[in-house]
């Protein structure tokens, strides 16, 4: 027979166990970072904060594949380059994300990519100096390497094509992929038109043409491979967004099931924030970007 003291102790133990479970659950619910880490783990993506870690993974792949059988894809914004202005630093965007989302809801007709392009007119900086070393290393190993961006294609302000702006920004820092493939400049006309333009490939840079369009990075990547008639044995995708990695993985699994996919989530831009910004300044900057984008849309609709 259990004594009253023992029974009370058992009840207290159960209550304490329930309390710990609820506490742990509340931490998980509040800490979306844990959920994101679990998601990345289940999808098989590697998280790196430095390009040197990405290079180590590339060298491991070379034990199984020849360099010419590998395609390495670099995202641009937040991976190779970033706008050198406080309101565009990744930690500041994360801090004021609700302000940004409110603006995006207010300007529903504006593709966020178009608003971001107005931020791209500001000076750019390398996210990490070691990206240049990695790119050179890949070239020495005969690994085919390209850049990949969601930037909209076609005319943009004083540029006949927005593609030339991104090419110039990369080239400014000695990043050039135009000799990776013989094909230098073509439109992916098998993809749907968005804002009167197609996704494109321009001098080593693949453009998916916006985030609200009918094509995703995965779709554009597969269309690109079919256009150049090449099936890599392994695709390495380095991007700061898990969404893009997951999309590319799904598309390749369907259209190129024999190709191994290696997703690398690069978080180098999360470590750079030399200057914080207030919510008011952040809102003013992005309001101007969205307003400029909205004016472009109005002008195009009238044309």
C-alpha atoms as a PDB file:
ATOM      1  CA  UNK A   1       0.000   0.000   0.000  1.00  0.00           C
ATOM      2  CA  UNK A   2       1.333   3.383  -1.063  1.00  0.00           C
ATOM      3  CA  UNK A   3       1.647   5.865   1.786  1.00  0.00           C
ATOM      4  CA  UNK A   4      -0.013   9.283   1.607  1.00  0.00           C
ATOM      5  CA  UNK A   5       3.411  10.903   1.442  1.00  0.00           C
ATOM      6  CA  UNK A   6       4.423   8.599  -1.420  1.00  0.00           C
ATOM      7  CA  UNK A   7       1.166   9.280  -3.281  1.00  0.00           C
ATOM      8  CA  UNK A   8       1.601  13.014  -2.915  1.00  0.00           C
ATOM      9  CA  UNK A   9       5.172  12.712  -4.138  1.00  0.00           C
ATOM     10  CA  UNK A  10       4.048  10.770  -7.222  1.00  0.00           C
ATOM     11  CA  UNK A  11       1.399  13.400  -7.994  1.00  0.00           C
ATOM     12  CA  UNK A  12       3.922  16.183  -7.617  1.00  0.00           C
ATOM     13  CA  UNK A  13       6.264  14.307  -9.943  1.00  0.00           C
ATOM     14  CA  UNK A  14       3.549  13.989 -12.587  1.00  0.00           C
ATOM     15  CA  UNK A  15       2.639  17.642 -12.269  1.00  0.00           C
ATOM     16  CA  UNK A  16       6.283  18.621 -12.588  1.00  0.00           C
ATOM     17  CA  UNK A  17       6.690  16.397 -15.676  1.00  0.00           C
ATOM     18  CA  UNK A  18       3.629  17.975 -17.302  1.00  0.00           C
ATOM     19  CA  UNK A  19       4.986  21.420 -16.440  1.00  0.00           C
ATOM     20  CA  UNK A  20       8.330  20.624 -18.094  1.00  0.00           C
ATOM     21  CA  UNK A  21       6.569  19.271 -21.176  1.00  0.00           C
ATOM     22  CA  UNK A  22       4.447  22.387 -21.498  1.00  0.00           C
ATOM     23  CA  UNK A  23       7.483  24.606 -20.922  1.00  0.00           C
ATOM     24  CA  UNK A  24       9.439  22.758 -23.594  1.00  0.00           C
ATOM     25  CA  UNK A  25       6.503  22.972 -25.998  1.00  0.00           C
ATOM     26  CA  UNK A  26       6.119  26.703 -25.403  1.00  0.00           C
ATOM     27  CA  UNK A  27       9.795  27.231 -26.128  1.00  0.00           C
ATOM     28  CA  UNK A  28       9.480  25.314 -29.397  1.00  0.00           C
ATOM     29  CA  UNK A  29       6.408  27.257 -30.449  1.00  0.00           C
ATOM     30  CA  UNK A  30       8.008  30.606 -29.683  1.00  0.00           C
ATOM     31  CA  UNK A  31      11.422  29.745 -31.087  1.00  0.00           C
ATOM     32  CA  UNK A  32      10.788  29.489 -34.814  1.00  0.00           C
ATOM     33  CA  UNK A  33      14.530  29.215 -35.250  1.00  0.00           C
ATOM     34  CA  UNK A  34      14.397  25.695 -33.804  1.00  0.00           C
ATOM     35  CA  UNK A  35      11.611  24.756 -36.210  1.00  0.00           C
ATOM     36  CA  UNK A  36      13.612  26.125 -39.134  1.00  0.00           C
ATOM     37  CA  UNK A  37      16.670  24.160 -38.082  1.00  0.00           C
ATOM     38  CA  UNK A  38      14.587  20.986 -37.832  1.00  0.00           C
ATOM     39  CA  UNK A  39      13.129  21.682 -41.287  1.00  0.00           C
ATOM     40  CA  UNK A  40      16.586  22.110 -42.813  1.00  0.00           C
ATOM     41  CA  UNK A  41      17.782  18.914 -41.173  1.00  0.00           C
ATOM     42  CA  UNK A  42      14.855  16.863 -42.469  1.00  0.00           C
ATOM     43  CA  UNK A  43      15.329  18.245 -45.978  1.00  0.00           C
ATOM     44  CA  UNK A  44      19.019  17.400 -45.942  1.00  0.00           C
ATOM     45  CA  UNK A  45      20.458  20.902 -46.366  1.00  0.00           C
ATOM     46  CA  UNK A  46      23.768  22.023 -44.926  1.00  0.00           C
ATOM     47  CA  UNK A  47      23.973  25.341 -43.066  1.00  0.00           C
ATOM     48  CA  UNK A  48      27.223  27.301 -43.401  1.00  0.00           C
ATOM     49  CA  UNK A  49      28.272  30.743 -42.242  1.00  0.00           C
ATOM     50  CA  UNK A  50      31.507  30.845 -44.225  1.00  0.00           C
ATOM     51  CA  UNK A  51      32.380  29.980 -47.804  1.00  0.00           C
ATOM     52  CA  UNK A  52      35.336  27.965 -46.572  1.00  0.00           C
ATOM     53  CA  UNK A  53      32.837  25.422 -45.194  1.00  0.00           C
ATOM     54  CA  UNK A  54      31.137  25.275 -48.593  1.00  0.00           C
ATOM     55  CA  UNK A  55      34.530  24.636 -50.190  1.00  0.00           C
ATOM     56  CA  UNK A  56      35.127  21.685 -47.881  1.00  0.00           C
ATOM     57  CA  UNK A  57      31.837  20.166 -49.005  1.00  0.00           C
ATOM     58  CA  UNK A  58      32.709  20.752 -52.661  1.00  0.00           C
ATOM     59  CA  UNK A  59      36.065  19.010 -52.175  1.00  0.00           C
ATOM     60  CA  UNK A  60      34.260  16.021 -50.644  1.00  0.00           C
ATOM     61  CA  UNK A  61      32.024  15.794 -53.722  1.00  0.00           C
ATOM     62  CA  UNK A  62      35.096  15.698 -55.953  1.00  0.00           C
ATOM     63  CA  UNK A  63      35.912  12.340 -54.397  1.00  0.00           C
ATOM     64  CA  UNK A  64      32.774  10.957 -56.088  1.00  0.00           C
ATOM     65  CA  UNK A  65      32.415  13.122 -59.207  1.00  0.00           C
ATOM     66  CA  UNK A  66      34.603  14.686 -61.858  1.00  0.00           C
ATOM     67  CA  UNK A  67      34.594  18.470 -61.765  1.00  0.00           C
ATOM     68  CA  UNK A  68      33.012  18.766 -65.217  1.00  0.00           C
ATOM     69  CA  UNK A  69      30.042  16.659 -64.040  1.00  0.00           C
ATOM     70  CA  UNK A  70      29.141  19.145 -61.282  1.00  0.00           C
ATOM     71  CA  UNK A  71      27.105  22.340 -61.589  1.00  0.00           C
ATOM     72  CA  UNK A  72      27.551  24.831 -58.753  1.00  0.00           C
ATOM     73  CA  UNK A  73      24.866  27.523 -58.523  1.00  0.00           C
ATOM     74  CA  UNK A  74      25.418  30.686 -56.475  1.00  0.00           C
ATOM     75  CA  UNK A  75      22.554  32.919 -55.431  1.00  0.00           C
ATOM     76  CA  UNK A  76      23.559  36.596 -55.673  1.00  0.00           C
ATOM     77  CA  UNK A  77      21.784  38.743 -53.072  1.00  0.00           C
ATOM     78  CA  UNK A  78      22.639  37.720 -49.539  1.00  0.00           C
ATOM     79  CA  UNK A  79      25.116  35.143 -50.821  1.00  0.00           C
ATOM     80  CA  UNK A  80      27.657  36.812 -53.111  1.00  0.00           C
ATOM     81  CA  UNK A  81      26.620  40.465 -52.833  1.00  0.00           C
ATOM     82  CA  UNK A  82      24.478  42.631 -50.604  1.00  0.00           C
ATOM     83  CA  UNK A  83      23.369  46.253 -50.764  1.00  0.00           C
ATOM     84  CA  UNK A  84      25.608  48.313 -48.509  1.00  0.00           C
ATOM     85  CA  UNK A  85      22.899  50.259 -46.682  1.00  0.00           C
ATOM     86  CA  UNK A  86      21.584  49.711 -43.125  1.00  0.00           C
ATOM     87  CA  UNK A  87      17.931  49.147 -44.086  1.00  0.00           C
ATOM     88  CA  UNK A  88      18.994  46.283 -46.361  1.00  0.00           C
ATOM     89  CA  UNK A  89      21.299  44.462 -43.927  1.00  0.00           C
ATOM     90  CA  UNK A  90      19.796  41.064 -43.189  1.00  0.00           C
ATOM     91  CA  UNK A  91      19.757  41.415 -39.358  1.00  0.00           C
ATOM     92  CA  UNK A  92      17.959  44.762 -39.671  1.00  0.00           C
ATOM     93  CA  UNK A  93      15.410  43.307 -42.086  1.00  0.00           C
ATOM     94  CA  UNK A  94      14.804  40.444 -39.674  1.00  0.00           C
ATOM     95  CA  UNK A  95      14.307  42.881 -36.794  1.00  0.00           C
ATOM     96  CA  UNK A  96      11.806  44.988 -38.725  1.00  0.00           C
ATOM     97  CA  UNK A  97      10.187  42.214 -40.760  1.00  0.00           C
ATOM     98  CA  UNK A  98       6.678  43.117 -39.642  1.00  0.00           C
ATOM     99  CA  UNK A  99       7.167  46.656 -40.963  1.00  0.00           C
ATOM    100  CA  UNK A 100       8.264  45.214 -44.306  1.00  0.00           C
ATOM    101  CA  UNK A 101       5.317  42.820 -44.446  1.00  0.00           C
ATOM    102  CA  UNK A 102       2.889  45.654 -43.726  1.00  0.00           C
ATOM    103  CA  UNK A 103       4.302  47.613 -46.670  1.00  0.00           C
ATOM    104  CA  UNK A 104       4.133  44.532 -48.909  1.00  0.00           C
ATOM    105  CA  UNK A 105       0.450  44.100 -48.017  1.00  0.00           C
ATOM    106  CA  UNK A 106      -0.216  47.768 -48.697  1.00  0.00           C
ATOM    107  CA  UNK A 107       1.372  47.495 -52.150  1.00  0.00           C
ATOM    108  CA  UNK A 108      -0.101  44.175 -53.203  1.00  0.00           C
ATOM    109  CA  UNK A 109       0.253  45.037 -56.878  1.00  0.00           C
ATOM    110  CA  UNK A 110       4.023  45.368 -56.508  1.00  0.00           C
ATOM    111  CA  UNK A 111       6.283  42.355 -56.868  1.00  0.00           C
ATOM    112  CA  UNK A 112       8.722  42.646 -53.916  1.00  0.00           C
ATOM    113  CA  UNK A 113      11.498  41.901 -56.392  1.00  0.00           C
ATOM    114  CA  UNK A 114      10.722  45.151 -58.209  1.00  0.00           C
ATOM    115  CA  UNK A 115      10.811  47.090 -54.944  1.00  0.00           C
ATOM    116  CA  UNK A 116      14.114  45.418 -54.079  1.00  0.00           C
ATOM    117  CA  UNK A 117      15.556  46.423 -57.456  1.00  0.00           C
ATOM    118  CA  UNK A 118      15.289  50.046 -56.406  1.00  0.00           C
ATOM    119  CA  UNK A 119      17.477  49.158 -53.437  1.00  0.00           C
ATOM    120  CA  UNK A 120      19.925  47.502 -55.816  1.00  0.00           C
ATOM    121  CA  UNK A 121      20.792  50.886 -57.307  1.00  0.00           C
ATOM    122  CA  UNK A 122      22.741  51.630 -54.131  1.00  0.00           C
ATOM    123  CA  UNK A 123      26.389  50.523 -53.802  1.00  0.00           C
ATOM    124  CA  UNK A 124      26.945  46.804 -53.364  1.00  0.00           C
ATOM    125  CA  UNK A 125      29.518  44.958 -51.266  1.00  0.00           C
ATOM    126  CA  UNK A 126      30.816  41.429 -51.100  1.00  0.00           C
ATOM    127  CA  UNK A 127      29.116  39.406 -48.401  1.00  0.00           C
ATOM    128  CA  UNK A 128      32.410  37.608 -47.846  1.00  0.00           C
ATOM    129  CA  UNK A 129      35.851  37.979 -49.399  1.00  0.00           C
ATOM    130  CA  UNK A 130      36.351  34.216 -49.390  1.00  0.00           C
ATOM    131  CA  UNK A 131      33.638  33.792 -52.019  1.00  0.00           C
ATOM    132  CA  UNK A 132      36.219  34.945 -54.582  1.00  0.00           C
ATOM    133  CA  UNK A 133      38.625  32.230 -53.415  1.00  0.00           C
ATOM    134  CA  UNK A 134      35.913  29.594 -53.623  1.00  0.00           C
ATOM    135  CA  UNK A 135      34.878  30.602 -57.145  1.00  0.00           C
ATOM    136  CA  UNK A 136      38.495  30.497 -58.310  1.00  0.00           C
ATOM    137  CA  UNK A 137      38.937  27.113 -56.637  1.00  0.00           C
ATOM    138  CA  UNK A 138      35.893  25.722 -58.450  1.00  0.00           C
ATOM    139  CA  UNK A 139      37.180  26.967 -61.785  1.00  0.00           C
ATOM    140  CA  UNK A 140      40.524  25.278 -61.155  1.00  0.00           C
ATOM    141  CA  UNK A 141      38.649  22.018 -60.481  1.00  0.00           C
ATOM    142  CA  UNK A 142      36.712  22.404 -63.780  1.00  0.00           C
ATOM    143  CA  UNK A 143      33.399  22.677 -61.927  1.00  0.00           C
ATOM    144  CA  UNK A 144      30.796  24.493 -64.006  1.00  0.00           C
ATOM    145  CA  UNK A 145      29.657  27.529 -62.035  1.00  0.00           C
ATOM    146  CA  UNK A 146      26.906  30.108 -62.558  1.00  0.00           C
ATOM    147  CA  UNK A 147      25.097  32.802 -60.598  1.00  0.00           C
ATOM    148  CA  UNK A 148      21.325  32.640 -60.081  1.00  0.00           C
ATOM    149  CA  UNK A 149      19.024  35.491 -59.062  1.00  0.00           C
ATOM    150  CA  UNK A 150      15.316  36.252 -58.825  1.00  0.00           C
ATOM    151  CA  UNK A 151      15.983  39.681 -60.367  1.00  0.00           C
ATOM    152  CA  UNK A 152      13.383  40.776 -62.903  1.00  0.00           C
ATOM    153  CA  UNK A 153      14.486  40.730 -66.518  1.00  0.00           C
ATOM    154  CA  UNK A 154      14.008  43.279 -69.282  1.00  0.00           C
ATOM    155  CA  UNK A 155      14.035  47.097 -69.182  1.00  0.00           C
ATOM    156  CA  UNK A 156      14.659  48.807 -65.849  1.00  0.00           C
ATOM    157  CA  UNK A 157      14.933  52.606 -65.616  1.00  0.00           C
ATOM    158  CA  UNK A 158      18.014  53.673 -67.600  1.00  0.00           C
ATOM    159  CA  UNK A 159      19.010  50.084 -68.331  1.00  0.00           C
ATOM    160  CA  UNK A 160      17.816  48.499 -71.544  1.00  0.00           C
ATOM    161  CA  UNK A 161      18.011  45.232 -69.641  1.00  0.00           C
ATOM    162  CA  UNK A 162      18.218  44.715 -65.877  1.00  0.00           C
ATOM    163  CA  UNK A 163      20.531  41.796 -66.623  1.00  0.00           C
ATOM    164  CA  UNK A 164      23.344  44.216 -67.494  1.00  0.00           C
ATOM    165  CA  UNK A 165      23.073  45.846 -64.053  1.00  0.00           C
ATOM    166  CA  UNK A 166      23.587  42.575 -62.203  1.00  0.00           C
ATOM    167  CA  UNK A 167      26.406  41.524 -64.520  1.00  0.00           C
ATOM    168  CA  UNK A 168      28.218  44.823 -63.894  1.00  0.00           C
ATOM    169  CA  UNK A 169      27.772  44.548 -60.127  1.00  0.00           C
ATOM    170  CA  UNK A 170      29.332  41.081 -60.010  1.00  0.00           C
ATOM    171  CA  UNK A 171      32.038  41.987 -62.493  1.00  0.00           C
ATOM    172  CA  UNK A 172      33.003  44.952 -60.316  1.00  0.00           C
ATOM    173  CA  UNK A 173      34.297  42.457 -57.745  1.00  0.00           C
ATOM    174  CA  UNK A 174      35.913  40.133 -60.248  1.00  0.00           C
ATOM    175  CA  UNK A 175      33.056  37.629 -60.228  1.00  0.00           C
ATOM    176  CA  UNK A 176      32.506  36.449 -63.767  1.00  0.00           C
ATOM    177  CA  UNK A 177      30.882  33.219 -64.971  1.00  0.00           C
ATOM    178  CA  UNK A 178      30.391  34.059 -68.644  1.00  0.00           C
ATOM    179  CA  UNK A 179      32.898  31.469 -69.877  1.00  0.00           C
ATOM    180  CA  UNK A 180      31.214  28.556 -68.089  1.00  0.00           C
ATOM    181  CA  UNK A 181      28.990  27.780 -71.070  1.00  0.00           C
ATOM    182  CA  UNK A 182      29.347  28.573 -74.756  1.00  0.00           C
ATOM    183  CA  UNK A 183      25.839  30.025 -74.788  1.00  0.00           C
ATOM    184  CA  UNK A 184      26.146  33.627 -73.588  1.00  0.00           C
ATOM    185  CA  UNK A 185      22.739  35.250 -73.860  1.00  0.00           C
ATOM    186  CA  UNK A 186      19.301  33.729 -74.392  1.00  0.00           C
ATOM    187  CA  UNK A 187      15.724  33.866 -73.149  1.00  0.00           C
ATOM    188  CA  UNK A 188      14.024  30.846 -71.595  1.00  0.00           C
ATOM    189  CA  UNK A 189      10.979  31.046 -73.840  1.00  0.00           C
ATOM    190  CA  UNK A 190       9.689  27.678 -72.604  1.00  0.00           C
ATOM    191  CA  UNK A 191       8.848  29.455 -69.340  1.00  0.00           C
ATOM    192  CA  UNK A 192       5.722  31.612 -69.025  1.00  0.00           C
ATOM    193  CA  UNK A 193       5.984  35.355 -69.636  1.00  0.00           C
ATOM    194  CA  UNK A 194       5.834  37.568 -66.542  1.00  0.00           C
ATOM    195  CA  UNK A 195       5.586  41.356 -66.741  1.00  0.00           C
ATOM    196  CA  UNK A 196       6.099  41.011 -70.519  1.00  0.00           C
ATOM    197  CA  UNK A 197       9.472  39.303 -70.051  1.00  0.00           C
ATOM    198  CA  UNK A 198      10.896  35.786 -69.917  1.00  0.00           C
ATOM    199  CA  UNK A 199      13.461  34.362 -67.484  1.00  0.00           C
ATOM    200  CA  UNK A 200      16.880  34.579 -69.070  1.00  0.00           C
ATOM    201  CA  UNK A 201      20.514  33.506 -69.042  1.00  0.00           C
ATOM    202  CA  UNK A 202      22.947  36.376 -69.484  1.00  0.00           C
ATOM    203  CA  UNK A 203      26.726  35.946 -69.499  1.00  0.00           C
ATOM    204  CA  UNK A 204      26.829  33.308 -66.782  1.00  0.00           C
ATOM    205  CA  UNK A 205      23.875  34.590 -64.729  1.00  0.00           C
ATOM    206  CA  UNK A 206      20.504  32.865 -64.610  1.00  0.00           C
ATOM    207  CA  UNK A 207      17.469  35.119 -63.957  1.00  0.00           C
ATOM    208  CA  UNK A 208      14.192  33.639 -62.708  1.00  0.00           C
ATOM    209  CA  UNK A 209      12.368  36.956 -63.298  1.00  0.00           C
ATOM    210  CA  UNK A 210      10.700  37.809 -59.991  1.00  0.00           C
ATOM    211  CA  UNK A 211       9.311  36.054 -56.940  1.00  0.00           C
ATOM    212  CA  UNK A 212       5.625  36.534 -57.727  1.00  0.00           C
ATOM    213  CA  UNK A 213       5.809  35.257 -61.281  1.00  0.00           C
ATOM    214  CA  UNK A 214       4.688  31.896 -62.559  1.00  0.00           C
ATOM    215  CA  UNK A 215       8.192  30.429 -62.510  1.00  0.00           C
ATOM    216  CA  UNK A 216      10.294  29.447 -59.501  1.00  0.00           C
ATOM    217  CA  UNK A 217      14.035  28.979 -59.246  1.00  0.00           C
ATOM    218  CA  UNK A 218      13.618  25.222 -59.512  1.00  0.00           C
ATOM    219  CA  UNK A 219      11.515  25.486 -62.669  1.00  0.00           C
ATOM    220  CA  UNK A 220      13.924  27.940 -64.284  1.00  0.00           C
ATOM    221  CA  UNK A 221      16.957  25.831 -63.389  1.00  0.00           C
ATOM    222  CA  UNK A 222      15.476  22.726 -65.024  1.00  0.00           C
ATOM    223  CA  UNK A 223      14.413  24.717 -68.095  1.00  0.00           C
ATOM    224  CA  UNK A 224      17.934  26.091 -68.358  1.00  0.00           C
ATOM    225  CA  UNK A 225      19.466  22.602 -68.271  1.00  0.00           C
ATOM    226  CA  UNK A 226      17.091  21.404 -70.983  1.00  0.00           C
ATOM    227  CA  UNK A 227      17.860  24.453 -73.113  1.00  0.00           C
ATOM    228  CA  UNK A 228      21.610  23.851 -73.052  1.00  0.00           C
ATOM    229  CA  UNK A 229      21.005  20.083 -73.325  1.00  0.00           C
ATOM    230  CA  UNK A 230      23.158  19.049 -70.384  1.00  0.00           C
ATOM    231  CA  UNK A 231      22.473  16.741 -67.468  1.00  0.00           C
ATOM    232  CA  UNK A 232      24.888  17.270 -64.574  1.00  0.00           C
ATOM    233  CA  UNK A 233      25.506  14.339 -62.288  1.00  0.00           C
ATOM    234  CA  UNK A 234      25.451  16.655 -59.287  1.00  0.00           C
ATOM    235  CA  UNK A 235      23.970  20.115 -58.657  1.00  0.00           C
ATOM    236  CA  UNK A 236      25.225  22.168 -55.728  1.00  0.00           C
ATOM    237  CA  UNK A 237      22.940  25.079 -54.899  1.00  0.00           C
ATOM    238  CA  UNK A 238      24.222  27.775 -52.529  1.00  0.00           C
ATOM    239  CA  UNK A 239      21.466  30.164 -51.430  1.00  0.00           C
ATOM    240  CA  UNK A 240      20.515  32.129 -48.323  1.00  0.00           C
ATOM    241  CA  UNK A 241      16.865  31.002 -48.562  1.00  0.00           C
ATOM    242  CA  UNK A 242      15.670  27.516 -47.686  1.00  0.00           C
ATOM    243  CA  UNK A 243      12.623  28.045 -49.898  1.00  0.00           C
ATOM    244  CA  UNK A 244      14.797  28.261 -53.012  1.00  0.00           C
ATOM    245  CA  UNK A 245      16.828  25.210 -52.025  1.00  0.00           C
ATOM    246  CA  UNK A 246      13.715  23.164 -51.426  1.00  0.00           C
ATOM    247  CA  UNK A 247      12.151  24.288 -54.698  1.00  0.00           C
ATOM    248  CA  UNK A 248      15.250  23.400 -56.691  1.00  0.00           C
ATOM    249  CA  UNK A 249      15.478  20.027 -54.989  1.00  0.00           C
ATOM    250  CA  UNK A 250      11.844  19.179 -55.797  1.00  0.00           C
ATOM    251  CA  UNK A 251      12.112  20.268 -59.431  1.00  0.00           C
ATOM    252  CA  UNK A 252      15.321  18.324 -60.038  1.00  0.00           C
ATOM    253  CA  UNK A 253      13.886  15.248 -58.343  1.00  0.00           C
ATOM    254  CA  UNK A 254      11.026  15.237 -60.862  1.00  0.00           C
ATOM    255  CA  UNK A 255      12.846  16.235 -64.048  1.00  0.00           C
ATOM    256  CA  UNK A 256      16.380  14.992 -63.334  1.00  0.00           C
ATOM    257  CA  UNK A 257      15.961  12.137 -60.839  1.00  0.00           C
ATOM    258  CA  UNK A 258      19.412  10.772 -61.648  1.00  0.00           C
ATOM    259  CA  UNK A 259      21.087  14.026 -60.580  1.00  0.00           C
ATOM    260  CA  UNK A 260      22.240  14.365 -56.979  1.00  0.00           C
ATOM    261  CA  UNK A 261      21.184  17.603 -55.329  1.00  0.00           C
ATOM    262  CA  UNK A 262      23.261  19.253 -52.604  1.00  0.00           C
ATOM    263  CA  UNK A 263      21.649  22.258 -50.926  1.00  0.00           C
ATOM    264  CA  UNK A 264      23.799  24.663 -48.932  1.00  0.00           C
ATOM    265  CA  UNK A 265      22.084  27.380 -46.915  1.00  0.00           C
ATOM    266  CA  UNK A 266      24.556  30.243 -46.623  1.00  0.00           C
ATOM    267  CA  UNK A 267      24.100  32.534 -43.610  1.00  0.00           C
ATOM    268  CA  UNK A 268      27.114  34.784 -44.026  1.00  0.00           C
ATOM    269  CA  UNK A 269      24.987  37.898 -44.531  1.00  0.00           C
ATOM    270  CA  UNK A 270      23.352  37.309 -41.140  1.00  0.00           C
ATOM    271  CA  UNK A 271      26.650  38.125 -39.441  1.00  0.00           C
ATOM    272  CA  UNK A 272      27.094  41.552 -41.035  1.00  0.00           C
ATOM    273  CA  UNK A 273      25.366  44.527 -39.439  1.00  0.00           C
ATOM    274  CA  UNK A 274      27.784  47.372 -38.595  1.00  0.00           C
ATOM    275  CA  UNK A 275      24.903  49.807 -38.185  1.00  0.00           C
ATOM    276  CA  UNK A 276      21.402  49.309 -36.822  1.00  0.00           C
ATOM    277  CA  UNK A 277      18.416  51.275 -38.063  1.00  0.00           C
ATOM    278  CA  UNK A 278      15.247  52.492 -36.363  1.00  0.00           C
ATOM    279  CA  UNK A 279      11.823  51.248 -37.407  1.00  0.00           C
ATOM    280  CA  UNK A 280      11.000  54.752 -38.691  1.00  0.00           C
ATOM    281  CA  UNK A 281      14.073  54.971 -40.944  1.00  0.00           C
ATOM    282  CA  UNK A 282      13.556  51.389 -42.098  1.00  0.00           C
ATOM    283  CA  UNK A 283       9.928  52.128 -42.987  1.00  0.00           C
ATOM    284  CA  UNK A 284      10.841  55.309 -44.848  1.00  0.00           C
ATOM    285  CA  UNK A 285      13.482  53.568 -46.957  1.00  0.00           C
ATOM    286  CA  UNK A 286      11.305  50.630 -48.002  1.00  0.00           C
ATOM    287  CA  UNK A 287       8.260  52.871 -48.478  1.00  0.00           C
ATOM    288  CA  UNK A 288      10.243  54.806 -51.071  1.00  0.00           C
ATOM    289  CA  UNK A 289      11.267  51.564 -52.772  1.00  0.00           C
ATOM    290  CA  UNK A 290       7.689  50.285 -52.952  1.00  0.00           C
ATOM    291  CA  UNK A 291       6.390  53.696 -54.083  1.00  0.00           C
ATOM    292  CA  UNK A 292       8.972  53.824 -56.887  1.00  0.00           C
ATOM    293  CA  UNK A 293       8.015  50.311 -57.946  1.00  0.00           C
ATOM    294  CA  UNK A 294       4.309  51.202 -57.907  1.00  0.00           C
ATOM    295  CA  UNK A 295       4.968  54.212 -60.172  1.00  0.00           C
ATOM    296  CA  UNK A 296       6.739  51.940 -62.641  1.00  0.00           C
ATOM    297  CA  UNK A 297       3.712  49.658 -62.777  1.00  0.00           C
ATOM    298  CA  UNK A 298       1.326  52.592 -63.307  1.00  0.00           C
ATOM    299  CA  UNK A 299       3.515  53.932 -66.120  1.00  0.00           C
ATOM    300  CA  UNK A 300       3.704  50.517 -67.779  1.00  0.00           C
ATOM    301  CA  UNK A 301      -0.082  50.073 -67.594  1.00  0.00           C
ATOM    302  CA  UNK A 302      -0.573  53.413 -69.314  1.00  0.00           C
ATOM    303  CA  UNK A 303       1.917  52.613 -72.083  1.00  0.00           C
END
